[in-house]
């Protein structure tokens, strides 16, 4: 006769093992796919000292983005919802696109009892490596619906090369 406690323990161990594998696989995917999207936000020192509730606010958030190139340009789009375009600074330096800014919280935070807080506020910087063949002086930047778009023309047109399959 099988021991029911041993069977229960064995099932429980298998269940915990499967849950742990699933959790680690999920985190691995987040880390691989998010690469530089996980962005550190630094709050102003005077705000941090004014109340203890800010200590619990997230200091990291995802600024999800995408980058691709066409024959004529390189395009980068980064999601930055809830920001004002006046709080965003974009520059290109040494083959890297640098987006800096400050995401500000709205209203007075005193007296709020949060049940959920996943949004990070404060200063941040995000950098993205660029190909060498872009003309930084002719880059165009726009910000609409919480998405910043940077279009950088290439210095030379590079259409896709079609290769024969043998």
Protein backbone atom coordinates (compact mmCIF):
# COMPACT_ATOMS: atom_id res chain seq x y z
CA UNK A 1 0.00 0.00 0.00
CA UNK A 2 1.28 3.45 -0.93
CA UNK A 3 1.78 6.06 1.74
CA UNK A 4 -0.73 8.91 1.07
CA UNK A 5 1.47 11.48 2.79
CA UNK A 6 4.44 10.57 0.58
CA UNK A 7 2.24 10.80 -2.51
CA UNK A 8 0.95 14.19 -1.43
CA UNK A 9 4.48 15.40 -0.70
CA UNK A 10 5.69 14.16 -4.09
CA UNK A 11 2.81 15.90 -5.90
CA UNK A 12 3.45 19.09 -3.98
CA UNK A 13 7.16 19.02 -4.81
CA UNK A 14 6.40 18.49 -8.53
CA UNK A 15 3.89 21.35 -8.48
CA UNK A 16 6.34 23.71 -6.79
CA UNK A 17 9.08 22.68 -9.21
CA UNK A 18 6.83 23.38 -12.25
CA UNK A 19 5.75 26.74 -10.81
CA UNK A 20 9.37 27.72 -10.14
CA UNK A 21 10.42 26.73 -13.67
CA UNK A 22 7.56 28.76 -15.14
CA UNK A 23 8.43 31.77 -13.01
CA UNK A 24 12.14 31.67 -13.89
CA UNK A 25 11.30 31.21 -17.57
CA UNK A 26 9.04 34.28 -17.42
CA UNK A 27 11.73 36.41 -15.75
CA UNK A 28 14.32 35.20 -18.25
CA UNK A 29 12.04 36.28 -21.11
CA UNK A 30 11.48 39.69 -19.50
CA UNK A 31 15.22 40.21 -19.08
CA UNK A 32 16.10 39.06 -22.60
CA UNK A 33 13.33 40.97 -24.40
CA UNK A 34 13.45 44.13 -22.32
CA UNK A 35 17.24 44.53 -22.57
CA UNK A 36 17.59 48.30 -22.16
CA UNK A 37 13.88 48.96 -21.72
CA UNK A 38 14.13 48.46 -17.96
CA UNK A 39 14.89 52.04 -16.99
CA UNK A 40 15.93 53.47 -13.62
CA UNK A 41 14.00 56.52 -12.42
CA UNK A 42 15.62 58.82 -9.85
CA UNK A 43 13.34 60.97 -7.74
CA UNK A 44 14.35 64.44 -6.62
CA UNK A 45 15.98 64.40 -3.17
CA UNK A 46 13.64 67.02 -1.70
CA UNK A 47 10.58 64.95 -2.64
CA UNK A 48 12.02 61.76 -1.15
CA UNK A 49 12.66 63.42 2.20
CA UNK A 50 9.23 65.05 2.42
CA UNK A 51 7.29 61.83 3.05
CA UNK A 52 7.94 58.16 3.60
CA UNK A 53 5.28 57.03 1.11
CA UNK A 54 7.58 57.87 -1.82
CA UNK A 55 10.05 55.25 -0.61
CA UNK A 56 7.60 52.56 -1.70
CA UNK A 57 7.16 53.92 -5.23
CA UNK A 58 8.87 51.94 -8.00
CA UNK A 59 12.30 53.12 -9.07
CA UNK A 60 12.33 50.98 -12.22
CA UNK A 61 9.90 50.90 -15.14
CA UNK A 62 9.81 49.68 -18.71
CA UNK A 63 10.17 52.22 -21.48
CA UNK A 64 9.31 49.76 -24.22
CA UNK A 65 10.62 50.49 -27.66
CA UNK A 66 11.44 49.27 -31.11
CA UNK A 67 14.11 50.09 -33.66
CA UNK A 68 14.36 49.18 -37.31
CA UNK A 69 15.90 50.39 -40.52
CA UNK A 70 14.78 50.91 -44.06
CA UNK A 71 16.90 51.53 -47.14
CA UNK A 72 16.96 55.25 -46.31
CA UNK A 73 16.72 55.63 -42.52
CA UNK A 74 16.86 54.20 -39.02
CA UNK A 75 13.73 54.62 -36.91
CA UNK A 76 13.45 54.36 -33.11
CA UNK A 77 10.18 54.52 -31.19
CA UNK A 78 9.97 54.54 -27.39
CA UNK A 79 6.78 54.50 -25.33
CA UNK A 80 6.82 57.28 -22.73
CA UNK A 81 3.19 57.72 -21.65
CA UNK A 82 2.15 60.52 -19.37
CA UNK A 83 5.03 62.81 -20.23
CA UNK A 84 5.13 66.31 -21.60
CA UNK A 85 7.38 66.88 -24.63
CA UNK A 86 9.01 69.77 -22.73
CA UNK A 87 10.35 67.22 -20.22
CA UNK A 88 12.14 65.14 -22.89
CA UNK A 89 15.70 65.66 -24.18
CA UNK A 90 17.00 63.70 -27.19
CA UNK A 91 20.60 63.64 -28.40
CA UNK A 92 22.91 61.52 -30.55
CA UNK A 93 26.46 61.09 -29.33
CA UNK A 94 29.15 58.58 -30.33
CA UNK A 95 26.82 56.21 -32.13
CA UNK A 96 24.17 56.18 -29.42
CA UNK A 97 20.73 57.72 -29.20
CA UNK A 98 20.22 59.17 -25.71
CA UNK A 99 16.75 59.98 -24.43
CA UNK A 100 16.59 61.72 -21.08
CA UNK A 101 13.66 63.18 -19.28
CA UNK A 102 11.63 63.54 -16.16
CA UNK A 103 8.30 61.89 -15.60
CA UNK A 104 6.35 63.89 -13.04
CA UNK A 105 3.54 62.66 -10.85
CA UNK A 106 0.33 64.61 -10.97
CA UNK A 107 -1.22 66.23 -7.95
CA UNK A 108 -0.45 66.06 -4.27
CA UNK A 109 0.40 62.57 -3.06
CA UNK A 110 -0.35 63.31 0.58
CA UNK A 111 -3.29 61.41 2.02
CA UNK A 112 -3.40 58.80 -0.74
CA UNK A 113 -3.67 55.15 0.25
CA UNK A 114 -2.35 53.23 -2.75
CA UNK A 115 -3.59 49.74 -3.53
CA UNK A 116 -1.45 49.50 -6.65
CA UNK A 117 1.61 51.53 -7.70
CA UNK A 118 3.54 50.28 -10.73
CA UNK A 119 4.37 53.64 -12.29
CA UNK A 120 7.79 55.15 -11.69
CA UNK A 121 8.40 58.89 -11.54
CA UNK A 122 11.55 60.97 -11.65
CA UNK A 123 14.52 61.58 -13.93
CA UNK A 124 15.63 58.83 -16.32
CA UNK A 125 18.01 58.15 -19.18
CA UNK A 126 17.74 55.53 -21.91
CA UNK A 127 20.43 54.88 -24.53
CA UNK A 128 20.20 52.86 -27.73
CA UNK A 129 23.11 51.86 -29.96
CA UNK A 130 22.87 53.03 -33.56
CA UNK A 131 24.45 51.90 -36.83
CA UNK A 132 27.43 53.97 -37.98
CA UNK A 133 25.89 55.14 -41.24
CA UNK A 134 23.37 57.71 -39.93
CA UNK A 135 23.29 61.46 -40.43
CA UNK A 136 22.65 62.77 -36.91
CA UNK A 137 22.38 66.38 -38.10
CA UNK A 138 19.30 65.54 -40.17
CA UNK A 139 17.49 63.47 -37.55
CA UNK A 140 13.85 64.31 -36.83
CA UNK A 141 12.13 63.85 -33.45
CA UNK A 142 8.39 63.84 -32.80
CA UNK A 143 6.27 63.01 -29.75
CA UNK A 144 2.65 61.99 -30.10
CA UNK A 145 0.24 59.89 -28.03
CA UNK A 146 2.95 59.04 -25.50
CA UNK A 147 5.41 57.70 -28.11
CA UNK A 148 8.61 59.46 -29.10
CA UNK A 149 9.76 58.76 -32.66
CA UNK A 150 13.28 59.49 -33.90
CA UNK A 151 13.93 59.16 -37.64
CA UNK A 152 17.59 59.31 -38.65
CA UNK A 153 18.46 59.31 -42.35
CA UNK A 154 21.32 57.11 -43.47
CA UNK A 155 24.42 58.67 -45.00
CA UNK A 156 24.17 56.18 -47.86
CA UNK A 157 21.18 54.24 -49.13
CA UNK A 158 21.46 50.54 -48.40
CA UNK A 159 18.63 48.62 -50.06
CA UNK A 160 18.21 44.99 -49.10
CA UNK A 161 20.41 42.60 -51.05
CA UNK A 162 18.60 39.62 -52.50
CA UNK A 163 20.75 36.52 -52.59
CA UNK A 164 20.01 33.51 -54.77
CA UNK A 165 19.25 30.24 -53.04
CA UNK A 166 21.31 27.38 -54.44
